[in-house]
Amino acid sequence: MSRREKDPYISGLYVSPGKLKKRDITGQIIGLADALIDNRGLSLIPQRQRVLQKNEIHELQTTDEVDVGPSRSVNRVSIIGFLR
């Protein structure tokens, strides 16, 4: 089974229940990284929504590559830091 067939968003296994209740969240930067990686090979997933739990730590990354999006890969990545 291919990765595309396994992905619940691409394959149609997941059907959105419609408009979801959302709210704004705030966080705190807990560490700065200032790192650049030219061969990251980061696969972007088609995430339509995300659930965050209190006190989780998330890495903040950005790229200057053009034409990026879900189901694509990114190689040039700048790691900004970590957020809780």
C-alpha atoms as a PDB file:
ATOM      1  CA  MET A   1       0.000   0.000   0.000  1.00  0.00           C
ATOM      2  CA  SER A   2       1.487   3.354  -1.023  1.00  0.00           C
ATOM      3  CA  ARG A   3       1.927   6.280   1.344  1.00  0.00           C
ATOM      4  CA  ARG A   4      -0.749   8.132  -0.613  1.00  0.00           C
ATOM      5  CA  GLU A   5      -3.248   5.287  -0.069  1.00  0.00           C
ATOM      6  CA  LYS A   6      -2.448   5.156   3.660  1.00  0.00           C
ATOM      7  CA  ASP A   7      -3.004   8.874   4.249  1.00  0.00           C
ATOM      8  CA  PRO A   8      -6.559   9.281   5.610  1.00  0.00           C
ATOM      9  CA  TYR A   9      -6.903  12.824   4.243  1.00  0.00           C
ATOM     10  CA  ILE A  10      -5.753  12.051   0.685  1.00  0.00           C
ATOM     11  CA  SER A  11      -7.457   8.665   0.384  1.00  0.00           C
ATOM     12  CA  GLY A  12     -10.816   9.946   1.646  1.00  0.00           C
ATOM     13  CA  LEU A  13     -10.912   7.710   4.751  1.00  0.00           C
ATOM     14  CA  TYR A  14     -11.350  10.809   6.911  1.00  0.00           C
ATOM     15  CA  VAL A  15     -14.455  12.856   6.269  1.00  0.00           C
ATOM     16  CA  SER A  16     -14.614  16.184   8.056  1.00  0.00           C
ATOM     17  CA  PRO A  17     -17.671  16.564  10.305  1.00  0.00           C
ATOM     18  CA  GLY A  18     -18.086  20.100   8.958  1.00  0.00           C
ATOM     19  CA  LYS A  19     -17.231  23.280  10.766  1.00  0.00           C
ATOM     20  CA  LEU A  20     -15.243  22.520  13.894  1.00  0.00           C
ATOM     21  CA  LYS A  21     -15.224  24.599  17.055  1.00  0.00           C
ATOM     22  CA  LYS A  22     -11.882  26.411  17.204  1.00  0.00           C
ATOM     23  CA  ARG A  23     -10.284  28.879  19.563  1.00  0.00           C
ATOM     24  CA  ASP A  24      -7.133  30.952  19.627  1.00  0.00           C
ATOM     25  CA  ILE A  25      -4.224  29.677  21.673  1.00  0.00           C
ATOM     26  CA  THR A  26      -1.137  31.381  23.037  1.00  0.00           C
ATOM     27  CA  GLY A  27       2.305  29.970  23.590  1.00  0.00           C
ATOM     28  CA  GLN A  28       5.736  30.847  24.833  1.00  0.00           C
ATOM     29  CA  ILE A  29       9.004  30.487  22.942  1.00  0.00           C
ATOM     30  CA  ILE A  30      11.171  28.349  25.193  1.00  0.00           C
ATOM     31  CA  GLY A  31      14.276  28.061  23.034  1.00  0.00           C
ATOM     32  CA  LEU A  32      15.866  29.626  19.959  1.00  0.00           C
ATOM     33  CA  ALA A  33      17.701  27.461  17.449  1.00  0.00           C
ATOM     34  CA  ASP A  34      19.006  29.599  14.531  1.00  0.00           C
ATOM     35  CA  ALA A  35      19.877  26.555  12.402  1.00  0.00           C
ATOM     36  CA  LEU A  36      19.786  26.072   8.638  1.00  0.00           C
ATOM     37  CA  ILE A  37      19.547  22.654   6.981  1.00  0.00           C
ATOM     38  CA  ASP A  38      19.931  22.325   3.204  1.00  0.00           C
ATOM     39  CA  ASN A  39      19.018  18.624   2.837  1.00  0.00           C
ATOM     40  CA  ARG A  40      16.190  18.126   5.374  1.00  0.00           C
ATOM     41  CA  GLY A  41      13.894  15.994   3.190  1.00  0.00           C
ATOM     42  CA  LEU A  42      10.873  17.069   5.256  1.00  0.00           C
ATOM     43  CA  SER A  43       7.643  15.558   3.902  1.00  0.00           C
ATOM     44  CA  LEU A  44       4.687  17.897   4.341  1.00  0.00           C
ATOM     45  CA  ILE A  45       1.403  16.232   5.196  1.00  0.00           C
ATOM     46  CA  PRO A  46      -2.095  17.427   4.241  1.00  0.00           C
ATOM     47  CA  GLN A  47      -3.130  18.342   7.795  1.00  0.00           C
ATOM     48  CA  ARG A  48      -6.509  20.068   7.751  1.00  0.00           C
ATOM     49  CA  GLN A  49      -6.680  20.586  11.487  1.00  0.00           C
ATOM     50  CA  ARG A  50      -4.469  20.021  14.469  1.00  0.00           C
ATOM     51  CA  VAL A  51      -5.195  19.330  18.122  1.00  0.00           C
ATOM     52  CA  LEU A  52      -2.696  20.756  20.588  1.00  0.00           C
ATOM     53  CA  GLN A  53      -2.443  19.659  24.179  1.00  0.00           C
ATOM     54  CA  LYS A  54      -1.347  21.905  27.013  1.00  0.00           C
ATOM     55  CA  ASN A  55       2.440  21.913  27.607  1.00  0.00           C
ATOM     56  CA  GLU A  56       3.321  20.183  24.324  1.00  0.00           C
ATOM     57  CA  ILE A  57       6.513  21.430  22.710  1.00  0.00           C
ATOM     58  CA  HIS A  58       6.498  22.213  18.978  1.00  0.00           C
ATOM     59  CA  GLU A  59       9.423  23.012  16.710  1.00  0.00           C
ATOM     60  CA  LEU A  60       9.042  26.136  14.563  1.00  0.00           C
ATOM     61  CA  GLN A  61      10.484  25.822  11.049  1.00  0.00           C
ATOM     62  CA  THR A  62      10.315  27.890   7.889  1.00  0.00           C
ATOM     63  CA  THR A  63      11.575  27.620   4.315  1.00  0.00           C
ATOM     64  CA  ASP A  64      12.355  29.962   1.455  1.00  0.00           C
ATOM     65  CA  GLU A  65      11.582  27.286  -1.141  1.00  0.00           C
ATOM     66  CA  VAL A  66       8.788  28.153  -3.560  1.00  0.00           C
ATOM     67  CA  ASP A  67       5.858  25.976  -4.619  1.00  0.00           C
ATOM     68  CA  VAL A  68       5.687  23.999  -1.354  1.00  0.00           C
ATOM     69  CA  GLY A  69       2.558  22.509   0.138  1.00  0.00           C
ATOM     70  CA  PRO A  70       0.851  19.315   1.300  1.00  0.00           C
ATOM     71  CA  SER A  71       2.275  16.064  -0.081  1.00  0.00           C
ATOM     72  CA  ARG A  72       5.509  17.760  -1.136  1.00  0.00           C
ATOM     73  CA  SER A  73       9.008  17.692   0.343  1.00  0.00           C
ATOM     74  CA  VAL A  74      11.121  20.575   1.595  1.00  0.00           C
ATOM     75  CA  ASN A  75      14.916  20.438   1.746  1.00  0.00           C
ATOM     76  CA  ARG A  76      15.993  23.958   2.718  1.00  0.00           C
ATOM     77  CA  VAL A  77      14.697  24.519   6.255  1.00  0.00           C
ATOM     78  CA  SER A  78      15.491  27.105   8.893  1.00  0.00           C
ATOM     79  CA  ILE A  79      14.798  25.984  12.452  1.00  0.00           C
ATOM     80  CA  ILE A  80      13.663  28.998  14.434  1.00  0.00           C
ATOM     81  CA  GLY A  81      13.082  27.540  17.880  1.00  0.00           C
ATOM     82  CA  PHE A  82      10.680  25.722  20.139  1.00  0.00           C
ATOM     83  CA  LEU A  83       7.254  26.775  21.402  1.00  0.00           C
ATOM     84  CA  ARG A  84       5.205  25.551  24.374  1.00  0.00           C
END
